[in-house]
Amino acid sequence: MKKVPSRCLYNIQIYKHGREFGNVNFQIQQNRAVLNNIEINEQRRGYGSIFVKKVESYVRNIYGVQSISLLAWQPSGGDHVVKFYEKLGYKEQRGKTQTYDDSVIIYDLHEMWKKI
């Protein structure tokens, strides 16, 4: 019997030494995962790359996902968030950048995707 992916919202949390250091919410839509609310609490130690790769492996192996899409929130004028995802093989959908102002920081929202 083939597992039919649902549109439920799932959450993955990763722990190190009993403390949460990352989490992500995602939905499965047909053969695609849509990631959102990716949070890594310990940055610049390679944990972000490890975390994203584990999520990719999980959704591919458990749900048969063939591609992933996400919205990279980049503080306006910066490039480190987009470069992080590009390093992991994600591509930006050209012409799909939006802007969001949360009254403290202005963000550029970059739609990104990857085949896995």
Protein backbone atom coordinates (compact mmCIF):
# COMPACT_ATOMS: atom_id res chain seq x y z
CA MET A 1 0.00 0.00 0.00
CA LYS A 2 1.43 3.38 -1.03
CA LYS A 3 1.46 6.10 1.61
CA VAL A 4 -0.56 9.11 0.43
CA PRO A 5 1.10 12.35 1.54
CA SER A 6 -1.16 14.78 3.33
CA ARG A 7 -1.27 18.53 3.65
CA CYS A 8 -0.84 18.41 7.43
CA LEU A 9 1.69 20.64 9.10
CA TYR A 10 4.59 18.63 10.51
CA ASN A 11 7.41 19.69 12.83
CA ILE A 12 10.94 18.33 13.27
CA GLN A 13 13.08 19.29 16.26
CA ILE A 14 16.77 18.42 16.62
CA TYR A 15 18.45 18.14 20.00
CA LYS A 16 22.10 18.22 21.09
CA HIS A 17 22.97 17.23 24.66
CA GLY A 18 19.30 17.44 25.63
CA ARG A 19 18.84 20.98 24.30
CA GLU A 20 16.91 21.89 21.18
CA PHE A 21 19.16 23.55 18.63
CA GLY A 22 16.88 23.57 15.60
CA ASN A 23 13.38 23.03 14.32
CA VAL A 24 11.38 23.32 11.12
CA ASN A 25 7.73 23.15 10.13
CA PHE A 26 6.84 21.59 6.80
CA GLN A 27 3.95 20.43 4.65
CA ILE A 28 3.87 17.66 2.08
CA GLN A 29 2.04 18.52 -1.15
CA GLN A 30 2.06 15.60 -3.61
CA ASN A 31 5.78 14.86 -4.15
CA ARG A 32 7.03 18.20 -2.79
CA ALA A 33 7.86 19.40 0.71
CA VAL A 34 7.34 23.04 1.62
CA LEU A 35 9.62 24.07 4.49
CA ASN A 36 8.87 27.06 6.70
CA ASN A 37 9.93 28.49 10.04
CA ILE A 38 13.44 27.01 9.89
CA GLU A 39 15.30 27.96 13.06
CA ILE A 40 18.87 27.07 13.99
CA ASN A 41 19.91 28.20 17.47
CA GLU A 42 23.68 27.59 17.07
CA GLN A 43 24.94 29.20 13.89
CA ARG A 44 28.33 29.12 12.13
CA ARG A 45 29.24 25.65 13.33
CA GLY A 46 27.82 23.66 10.42
CA TYR A 47 24.65 22.72 12.30
CA GLY A 48 22.41 24.52 9.80
CA SER A 49 23.78 22.46 6.90
CA ILE A 50 23.51 19.23 8.88
CA PHE A 51 19.95 20.07 9.92
CA VAL A 52 18.74 20.90 6.39
CA LYS A 53 20.37 17.74 4.98
CA LYS A 54 18.68 15.62 7.67
CA VAL A 55 15.30 17.18 6.87
CA GLU A 56 15.84 16.55 3.14
CA SER A 57 16.72 12.91 3.83
CA TYR A 58 13.74 12.45 6.14
CA VAL A 59 11.11 13.83 3.73
CA ARG A 60 12.63 11.91 0.80
CA ASN A 61 12.76 8.58 2.66
CA ILE A 62 9.49 8.82 4.63
CA TYR A 63 7.22 10.70 2.20
CA GLY A 64 8.83 10.06 -1.20
CA VAL A 65 9.42 13.77 -1.74
CA GLN A 66 11.28 14.69 -4.94
CA SER A 67 11.63 18.45 -4.46
CA ILE A 68 11.66 21.00 -1.67
CA SER A 69 10.66 24.64 -1.70
CA LEU A 70 11.12 27.29 0.94
CA LEU A 71 10.99 31.02 1.51
CA ALA A 72 14.39 32.38 2.61
CA TRP A 73 13.97 35.45 4.82
CA GLN A 74 16.98 37.67 4.17
CA PRO A 75 17.44 41.02 5.95
CA SER A 76 17.24 43.61 3.16
CA GLY A 77 20.63 44.38 1.62
CA GLY A 78 22.24 41.16 2.88
CA ASP A 79 23.05 37.93 1.13
CA HIS A 80 24.17 35.38 3.76
CA VAL A 81 20.84 33.53 4.01
CA VAL A 82 20.47 33.09 0.24
CA LYS A 83 24.15 32.05 -0.07
CA PHE A 84 23.62 29.45 2.68
CA TYR A 85 20.80 27.78 0.73
CA GLU A 86 22.67 28.08 -2.59
CA LYS A 87 25.61 26.27 -0.97
CA LEU A 88 23.19 23.42 -0.20
CA GLY A 89 22.03 23.25 -3.83
CA TYR A 90 18.90 25.40 -3.67
CA LYS A 91 18.07 27.68 -6.58
CA GLU A 92 16.27 30.98 -6.39
CA GLN A 93 13.14 31.43 -8.47
CA ARG A 94 14.02 34.60 -10.34
CA GLY A 95 11.48 37.37 -10.18
CA LYS A 96 9.82 35.86 -7.09
CA THR A 97 11.44 38.11 -4.43
CA GLN A 98 9.04 39.95 -2.14
CA THR A 99 9.60 42.40 0.71
CA TYR A 100 8.25 42.19 4.25
CA ASP A 101 8.53 44.85 6.96
CA ASP A 102 7.95 43.57 10.50
CA SER A 103 8.27 47.13 11.93
CA VAL A 104 11.81 46.33 13.13
CA ILE A 105 13.60 44.75 10.15
CA ILE A 106 12.84 44.88 6.44
CA TYR A 107 13.25 41.44 4.86
CA ASP A 108 13.66 40.33 1.28
CA LEU A 109 11.77 37.04 0.85
CA HIS A 110 13.42 34.75 -1.70
CA GLU A 111 11.50 31.76 -3.07
CA MET A 112 13.94 28.86 -3.39
CA TRP A 113 13.67 25.21 -4.47
CA LYS A 114 15.74 22.07 -4.88
CA LYS A 115 15.27 18.63 -6.42
CA ILE A 116 16.33 15.86 -4.05
